[in-house]
């Protein structure tokens, strides 16, 4: 979210970062069911679009 707003910049592309992360021995991704994906869309509404915007700074 902060990167999309231009507040921070990353030195590595997201896909490259995920590839490096997944190369860590013993680290695995799990599949998300349709039910979990739907429930994630039904989470309570946050007052701020980005939780970092609520930091008081």
N, C-alpha and C. Protein backbone atom coordinates (compact mmCIF):
# COMPACT_ATOMS: atom_id res chain seq x y z
N UNK A 1 0.80 -1.18 0.00
CA UNK A 1 0.00 0.00 0.00
C UNK A 1 0.86 1.26 0.00
N UNK A 2 1.88 1.27 0.84
CA UNK A 2 2.74 2.45 0.88
C UNK A 2 3.52 2.62 -0.41
N UNK A 3 3.91 1.51 -1.02
CA UNK A 3 4.63 1.61 -2.28
C UNK A 3 3.73 2.17 -3.37
N UNK A 4 2.48 1.75 -3.40
CA UNK A 4 1.55 2.27 -4.40
C UNK A 4 1.34 3.77 -4.26
N UNK A 5 1.46 4.29 -3.03
CA UNK A 5 1.29 5.72 -2.79
C UNK A 5 2.59 6.49 -3.00
N UNK A 6 3.68 5.77 -3.31
CA UNK A 6 4.97 6.42 -3.53
C UNK A 6 5.66 6.84 -2.24
N UNK A 7 5.22 6.32 -1.10
CA UNK A 7 5.83 6.69 0.18
C UNK A 7 7.10 5.90 0.47
N UNK A 8 7.21 4.70 -0.11
CA UNK A 8 8.42 3.90 0.03
C UNK A 8 8.71 3.24 -1.31
N UNK A 9 9.95 2.81 -1.49
CA UNK A 9 10.33 2.10 -2.71
C UNK A 9 11.14 0.87 -2.31
N UNK A 10 10.90 -0.22 -3.01
CA UNK A 10 11.62 -1.46 -2.75
C UNK A 10 12.73 -1.63 -3.77
N UNK A 11 13.81 -2.26 -3.35
CA UNK A 11 14.95 -2.46 -4.24
C UNK A 11 14.84 -3.75 -5.05
N UNK A 12 13.78 -4.51 -4.82
CA UNK A 12 13.61 -5.79 -5.50
C UNK A 12 12.14 -5.92 -5.91
N UNK A 13 11.91 -6.52 -7.05
CA UNK A 13 10.54 -6.72 -7.52
C UNK A 13 9.84 -7.75 -6.64
N UNK A 14 8.54 -7.61 -6.49
CA UNK A 14 7.76 -8.50 -5.64
C UNK A 14 7.93 -9.96 -6.04
N UNK A 15 7.86 -10.26 -7.33
CA UNK A 15 8.01 -11.65 -7.78
C UNK A 15 9.38 -12.22 -7.39
N UNK A 16 10.42 -11.40 -7.52
CA UNK A 16 11.76 -11.85 -7.15
C UNK A 16 11.85 -12.09 -5.64
N UNK A 17 11.24 -11.20 -4.86
CA UNK A 17 11.25 -11.34 -3.40
C UNK A 17 10.53 -12.63 -2.99
N UNK A 18 9.40 -12.90 -3.61
CA UNK A 18 8.65 -14.13 -3.29
C UNK A 18 9.44 -15.36 -3.69
N UNK A 19 10.10 -15.32 -4.86
CA UNK A 19 10.94 -16.45 -5.27
C UNK A 19 12.04 -16.71 -4.25
N UNK A 20 12.69 -15.65 -3.76
CA UNK A 20 13.75 -15.82 -2.75
C UNK A 20 13.16 -16.37 -1.45
N UNK A 21 12.02 -15.87 -1.08
CA UNK A 21 11.36 -16.34 0.14
C UNK A 21 11.04 -17.82 0.05
N UNK A 22 10.49 -18.23 -1.09
CA UNK A 22 10.09 -19.62 -1.26
C UNK A 22 11.28 -20.57 -1.42
N UNK A 23 12.47 -20.02 -1.64
CA UNK A 23 13.65 -20.88 -1.74
C UNK A 23 14.21 -21.24 -0.36
N UNK A 24 13.66 -20.66 0.70
CA UNK A 24 14.10 -20.98 2.06
C UNK A 24 13.66 -22.41 2.39
N UNK A 25 14.60 -23.27 2.75
CA UNK A 25 14.23 -24.66 3.07
C UNK A 25 13.20 -24.73 4.19
N UNK A 26 12.18 -25.54 3.97
CA UNK A 26 11.15 -25.75 4.98
C UNK A 26 10.00 -24.76 4.94
N UNK A 27 10.13 -23.71 4.13
CA UNK A 27 9.05 -22.73 4.02
C UNK A 27 8.15 -23.12 2.87
N UNK A 28 6.87 -23.23 3.13
CA UNK A 28 5.91 -23.65 2.11
C UNK A 28 4.73 -22.70 2.08
N UNK A 29 4.16 -22.54 0.92
CA UNK A 29 2.90 -21.82 0.77
C UNK A 29 1.76 -22.80 0.93
N UNK A 30 0.66 -22.33 1.47
CA UNK A 30 -0.51 -23.18 1.54
C UNK A 30 -1.57 -22.62 0.61
N UNK A 31 -2.39 -23.50 0.08
CA UNK A 31 -3.49 -23.07 -0.77
C UNK A 31 -4.60 -22.49 0.10
N UNK A 32 -5.25 -21.45 -0.41
CA UNK A 32 -6.40 -20.87 0.28
C UNK A 32 -7.67 -21.36 -0.38
N UNK A 33 -8.59 -21.80 0.42
CA UNK A 33 -9.86 -22.29 -0.12
C UNK A 33 -10.72 -21.10 -0.56
N UNK A 34 -11.70 -21.39 -1.38
CA UNK A 34 -12.64 -20.35 -1.81
C UNK A 34 -13.33 -19.75 -0.59
N UNK A 35 -13.66 -20.59 0.38
CA UNK A 35 -14.31 -20.11 1.60
C UNK A 35 -13.45 -19.08 2.33
N UNK A 36 -12.16 -19.36 2.46
CA UNK A 36 -11.26 -18.42 3.14
C UNK A 36 -11.16 -17.12 2.34
N UNK A 37 -11.07 -17.21 1.04
CA UNK A 37 -10.99 -16.01 0.22
C UNK A 37 -12.25 -15.15 0.36
N UNK A 38 -13.40 -15.78 0.38
CA UNK A 38 -14.66 -15.05 0.57
C UNK A 38 -14.69 -14.40 1.95
N UNK A 39 -14.31 -15.16 2.97
CA UNK A 39 -14.31 -14.61 4.33
C UNK A 39 -13.36 -13.42 4.46
N UNK A 40 -12.25 -13.44 3.73
CA UNK A 40 -11.31 -12.32 3.80
C UNK A 40 -11.93 -11.04 3.25
N UNK A 41 -12.86 -11.17 2.34
CA UNK A 41 -13.55 -10.00 1.78
C UNK A 41 -14.63 -9.48 2.72
N UNK A 42 -15.00 -10.28 3.70
CA UNK A 42 -16.07 -9.90 4.63
C UNK A 42 -15.54 -9.42 5.98
N UNK A 43 -14.23 -9.20 6.08
CA UNK A 43 -13.66 -8.70 7.32
C UNK A 43 -14.20 -7.31 7.61
N UNK A 44 -14.19 -6.90 8.88
CA UNK A 44 -14.72 -5.57 9.23
C UNK A 44 -14.01 -4.46 8.46
N UNK A 45 -14.74 -3.42 8.20
CA UNK A 45 -14.20 -2.27 7.48
C UNK A 45 -13.24 -1.50 8.39
N UNK A 46 -12.09 -1.12 7.83
CA UNK A 46 -11.14 -0.30 8.57
C UNK A 46 -11.37 1.16 8.21
N UNK A 47 -11.21 2.03 9.21
CA UNK A 47 -11.41 3.46 8.97
C UNK A 47 -10.37 3.99 8.00
N UNK A 48 -9.16 3.45 8.05
CA UNK A 48 -8.06 3.92 7.20
C UNK A 48 -7.79 2.90 6.11
N UNK A 49 -7.49 3.40 4.91
CA UNK A 49 -7.18 2.50 3.80
C UNK A 49 -5.91 1.72 4.08
N UNK A 50 -4.96 2.34 4.74
CA UNK A 50 -3.68 1.72 5.04
C UNK A 50 -3.45 1.80 6.54
N UNK A 51 -3.31 0.67 7.23
CA UNK A 51 -3.10 0.73 8.68
C UNK A 51 -1.93 1.62 9.08
N UNK A 52 -0.93 1.77 8.23
CA UNK A 52 0.21 2.63 8.54
C UNK A 52 -0.20 4.09 8.61
N UNK A 53 -1.31 4.46 7.94
CA UNK A 53 -1.80 5.84 7.99
C UNK A 53 -2.34 6.20 9.37
N UNK A 54 -2.57 5.22 10.21
CA UNK A 54 -3.12 5.45 11.54
C UNK A 54 -2.02 5.50 12.60
N UNK A 55 -0.78 5.65 12.18
CA UNK A 55 0.35 5.59 13.11
C UNK A 55 0.52 6.86 13.93
N UNK A 56 -0.12 7.95 13.53
CA UNK A 56 0.02 9.20 14.26
C UNK A 56 1.21 10.04 13.81
N UNK A 57 1.93 9.58 12.81
CA UNK A 57 3.09 10.34 12.32
C UNK A 57 2.71 11.17 11.13
